[in-house]
N, C-alpha and C. Protein backbone atom coordinates (compact mmCIF):
# COMPACT_ATOMS: atom_id res chain seq x y z
N MET A 1 8.85 36.73 -75.66
CA MET A 1 9.62 35.51 -74.93
C MET A 1 7.68 34.69 -75.09
N ALA A 2 7.41 34.26 -75.91
CA ALA A 2 5.72 32.89 -75.61
C ALA A 2 5.31 33.17 -75.12
N GLU A 3 4.41 33.58 -74.78
CA GLU A 3 3.46 32.91 -73.81
C GLU A 3 3.15 32.27 -72.82
N LYS A 4 3.15 30.91 -71.94
CA LYS A 4 2.98 30.34 -71.48
C LYS A 4 0.96 29.81 -71.57
N LYS A 5 1.05 28.77 -72.90
CA LYS A 5 -0.73 27.89 -72.51
C LYS A 5 -1.08 27.54 -71.71
N GLU A 6 -2.61 27.57 -71.28
CA GLU A 6 -3.50 26.95 -70.60
C GLU A 6 -3.26 25.19 -71.07
N LYS A 7 -3.29 24.60 -70.78
CA LYS A 7 -3.75 22.68 -70.50
C LYS A 7 -5.05 22.24 -69.99
N THR A 8 -5.76 21.67 -70.96
CA THR A 8 -6.70 21.14 -70.38
C THR A 8 -6.63 19.35 -70.42
N LYS A 9 -6.96 19.05 -69.10
CA LYS A 9 -7.24 17.48 -69.53
C LYS A 9 -8.51 17.30 -69.49
N SER A 10 -8.32 15.84 -70.69
CA SER A 10 -9.63 15.29 -70.45
C SER A 10 -10.06 13.93 -69.54
N PHE A 11 -10.92 14.07 -69.20
CA PHE A 11 -11.16 12.03 -68.42
C PHE A 11 -12.56 12.14 -68.27
N ILE A 12 -13.38 11.20 -68.17
CA ILE A 12 -14.80 10.74 -67.79
C ILE A 12 -15.24 10.99 -66.57
N LEU A 13 -16.04 11.23 -66.49
CA LEU A 13 -16.96 11.85 -65.45
C LEU A 13 -18.10 10.99 -64.96
N ARG A 14 -18.29 9.81 -64.61
CA ARG A 14 -19.41 9.09 -64.60
C ARG A 14 -20.33 9.31 -62.99
N ILE A 15 -21.94 9.95 -63.64
CA ILE A 15 -22.47 11.29 -62.91
C ILE A 15 -24.00 10.04 -62.93
N ASP A 16 -24.64 9.63 -62.31
CA ASP A 16 -25.83 9.15 -62.58
C ASP A 16 -27.16 10.71 -63.37
N ALA A 17 -28.04 10.05 -64.25
CA ALA A 17 -29.85 10.00 -64.02
C ALA A 17 -30.07 11.68 -63.75
N GLN A 18 -29.97 11.74 -62.63
CA GLN A 18 -31.06 12.71 -61.63
C GLN A 18 -30.36 13.98 -61.78
N THR A 19 -28.61 13.91 -61.58
CA THR A 19 -27.59 13.90 -60.80
C THR A 19 -27.30 15.17 -61.89
N MET A 20 -27.97 14.53 -63.64
CA MET A 20 -27.29 14.58 -64.71
C MET A 20 -28.01 15.66 -65.48
N ASP A 21 -29.56 15.42 -65.19
CA ASP A 21 -30.58 16.29 -65.42
C ASP A 21 -30.96 17.48 -64.67
N ALA A 22 -30.60 18.00 -63.54
CA ALA A 22 -29.90 18.84 -62.47
C ALA A 22 -29.23 19.90 -63.20
N ILE A 23 -28.25 19.10 -62.65
CA ILE A 23 -26.58 20.08 -64.01
C ILE A 23 -26.94 20.82 -64.77
N GLU A 24 -27.42 19.78 -66.49
CA GLU A 24 -28.40 20.81 -67.55
C GLU A 24 -29.60 21.41 -67.15
N ALA A 25 -30.77 21.45 -66.54
CA ALA A 25 -30.65 22.12 -65.96
C ALA A 25 -30.55 23.44 -65.56
N TRP A 26 -29.69 23.22 -64.95
CA TRP A 26 -28.65 24.75 -64.25
C TRP A 26 -28.05 25.28 -65.69
N ALA A 27 -27.33 24.45 -65.80
CA ALA A 27 -26.22 25.19 -67.39
C ALA A 27 -26.83 26.11 -68.21
N ALA A 28 -28.72 25.72 -68.46
CA ALA A 28 -29.23 25.41 -69.38
C ALA A 28 -29.59 27.35 -68.52
N ASP A 29 -30.52 26.95 -67.46
CA ASP A 29 -31.27 28.33 -66.73
C ASP A 29 -30.15 29.68 -66.65
N GLU A 30 -28.90 29.02 -66.12
CA GLU A 30 -27.65 30.23 -66.78
C GLU A 30 -27.05 30.85 -67.75
N PHE A 31 -27.49 29.96 -69.25
CA PHE A 31 -26.78 29.92 -70.85
C PHE A 31 -25.18 29.36 -70.44
N ARG A 32 -25.13 28.61 -70.18
CA ARG A 32 -23.84 28.00 -69.93
C ARG A 32 -23.57 26.47 -70.96
N SER A 33 -22.60 25.39 -71.39
CA SER A 33 -22.68 24.20 -71.31
C SER A 33 -22.27 23.80 -69.92
N THR A 34 -23.63 22.75 -70.01
CA THR A 34 -23.51 21.85 -69.81
C THR A 34 -21.86 21.31 -69.35
N ASN A 35 -20.72 21.47 -69.89
CA ASN A 35 -19.22 21.42 -69.50
C ASN A 35 -19.14 23.10 -68.60
N GLY A 36 -19.12 23.73 -69.35
CA GLY A 36 -19.00 24.83 -68.87
C GLY A 36 -19.78 25.11 -66.94
N GLN A 37 -20.63 25.22 -66.93
CA GLN A 37 -21.64 24.59 -65.91
C GLN A 37 -20.38 23.88 -64.56
N LEU A 38 -20.31 22.58 -65.29
CA LEU A 38 -19.69 21.45 -64.52
C LEU A 38 -17.72 22.36 -64.18
N GLN A 39 -17.09 22.69 -64.97
CA GLN A 39 -16.14 23.60 -64.45
C GLN A 39 -16.52 24.57 -64.00
N TRP A 40 -17.22 25.58 -63.78
CA TRP A 40 -17.86 26.63 -63.27
C TRP A 40 -18.00 26.11 -61.08
N ILE A 41 -18.67 24.64 -61.36
CA ILE A 41 -18.79 24.24 -60.00
C ILE A 41 -17.66 23.62 -59.32
N ILE A 42 -16.15 23.11 -60.48
CA ILE A 42 -16.05 23.04 -59.14
C ILE A 42 -14.83 24.12 -58.96
N ALA A 43 -14.43 25.24 -60.00
CA ALA A 43 -13.82 25.87 -59.36
C ALA A 43 -14.74 26.77 -58.46
N GLU A 44 -15.79 27.36 -58.06
CA GLU A 44 -16.15 27.55 -57.37
C GLU A 44 -15.89 26.89 -55.46
N ALA A 45 -16.08 25.32 -55.77
CA ALA A 45 -15.45 24.75 -55.04
C ALA A 45 -13.77 24.81 -54.62
N LEU A 46 -13.16 24.94 -54.96
CA LEU A 46 -12.29 24.63 -55.37
C LEU A 46 -11.72 25.96 -54.69
N ARG A 47 -12.00 27.46 -54.88
CA ARG A 47 -12.41 28.67 -54.27
C ARG A 47 -12.69 28.22 -53.10
N LYS A 48 -13.87 28.59 -53.15
CA LYS A 48 -14.12 28.44 -51.74
C LYS A 48 -13.62 27.34 -50.77
N SER A 49 -12.57 26.34 -51.14
CA SER A 49 -12.25 25.61 -50.00
C SER A 49 -10.89 26.40 -49.64
N GLY A 50 -10.39 27.08 -50.82
CA GLY A 50 -9.80 27.62 -50.36
C GLY A 50 -7.86 27.16 -51.21
N ARG A 51 -8.06 25.86 -51.99
CA ARG A 51 -7.43 26.22 -52.83
C ARG A 51 -7.04 26.24 -53.84
N LEU A 52 -7.64 27.13 -54.23
CA LEU A 52 -7.42 27.80 -55.93
C LEU A 52 -7.38 29.32 -55.78
N LYS A 53 -6.58 29.83 -56.19
CA LYS A 53 -6.47 31.06 -55.89
C LYS A 53 -7.08 30.95 -56.94
N LYS A 54 -7.49 32.98 -56.93
CA LYS A 54 -8.97 33.68 -58.11
C LYS A 54 -6.98 34.11 -58.24
N LYS A 55 -7.56 33.76 -59.98
CA LYS A 55 -7.28 34.68 -60.32
C LYS A 55 -5.78 35.92 -60.97
N LYS A 56 -5.43 36.88 -61.53
CA LYS A 56 -5.10 38.00 -61.05
C LYS A 56 -5.04 38.42 -62.60
N THR A 57 -6.35 39.92 -61.98
CA THR A 57 -6.90 40.43 -62.98
C THR A 57 -4.99 42.05 -63.79
N PRO A 58 -5.20 42.11 -64.09
CA PRO A 58 -4.28 43.16 -64.66
C PRO A 58 -4.65 44.13 -64.36
N ASP A 59 -3.62 45.43 -64.47
CA ASP A 59 -4.98 46.94 -63.91
C ASP A 59 -4.78 47.52 -64.71
N LEU A 60 -6.65 48.12 -64.51
CA LEU A 60 -6.67 48.79 -65.78
C LEU A 60 -6.84 50.47 -65.80
N GLU A 61 -4.83 50.57 -65.17
CA GLU A 61 -4.95 52.31 -65.74
C GLU A 61 -4.32 52.24 -66.72
C-alpha cells in the first residue's frame, strides 16, 4: 500500500513590518528560510502547549 503523503495548506498571513523584520533576522541567524522559521515557531508553540504530539521516530535497531 502506498504511503500517505503529508498535505500542506497555503494561506495569507498579515504581519506588521517590525515583527517580520525580527522573524527574518532570527531565520537568518539559524540558517532557515523565513517560511521555515515561521513553521518552526508555530510547531514549537503547539508542542509546548500540548496541542501537537511529537512525531514518532523509527527504531534504529
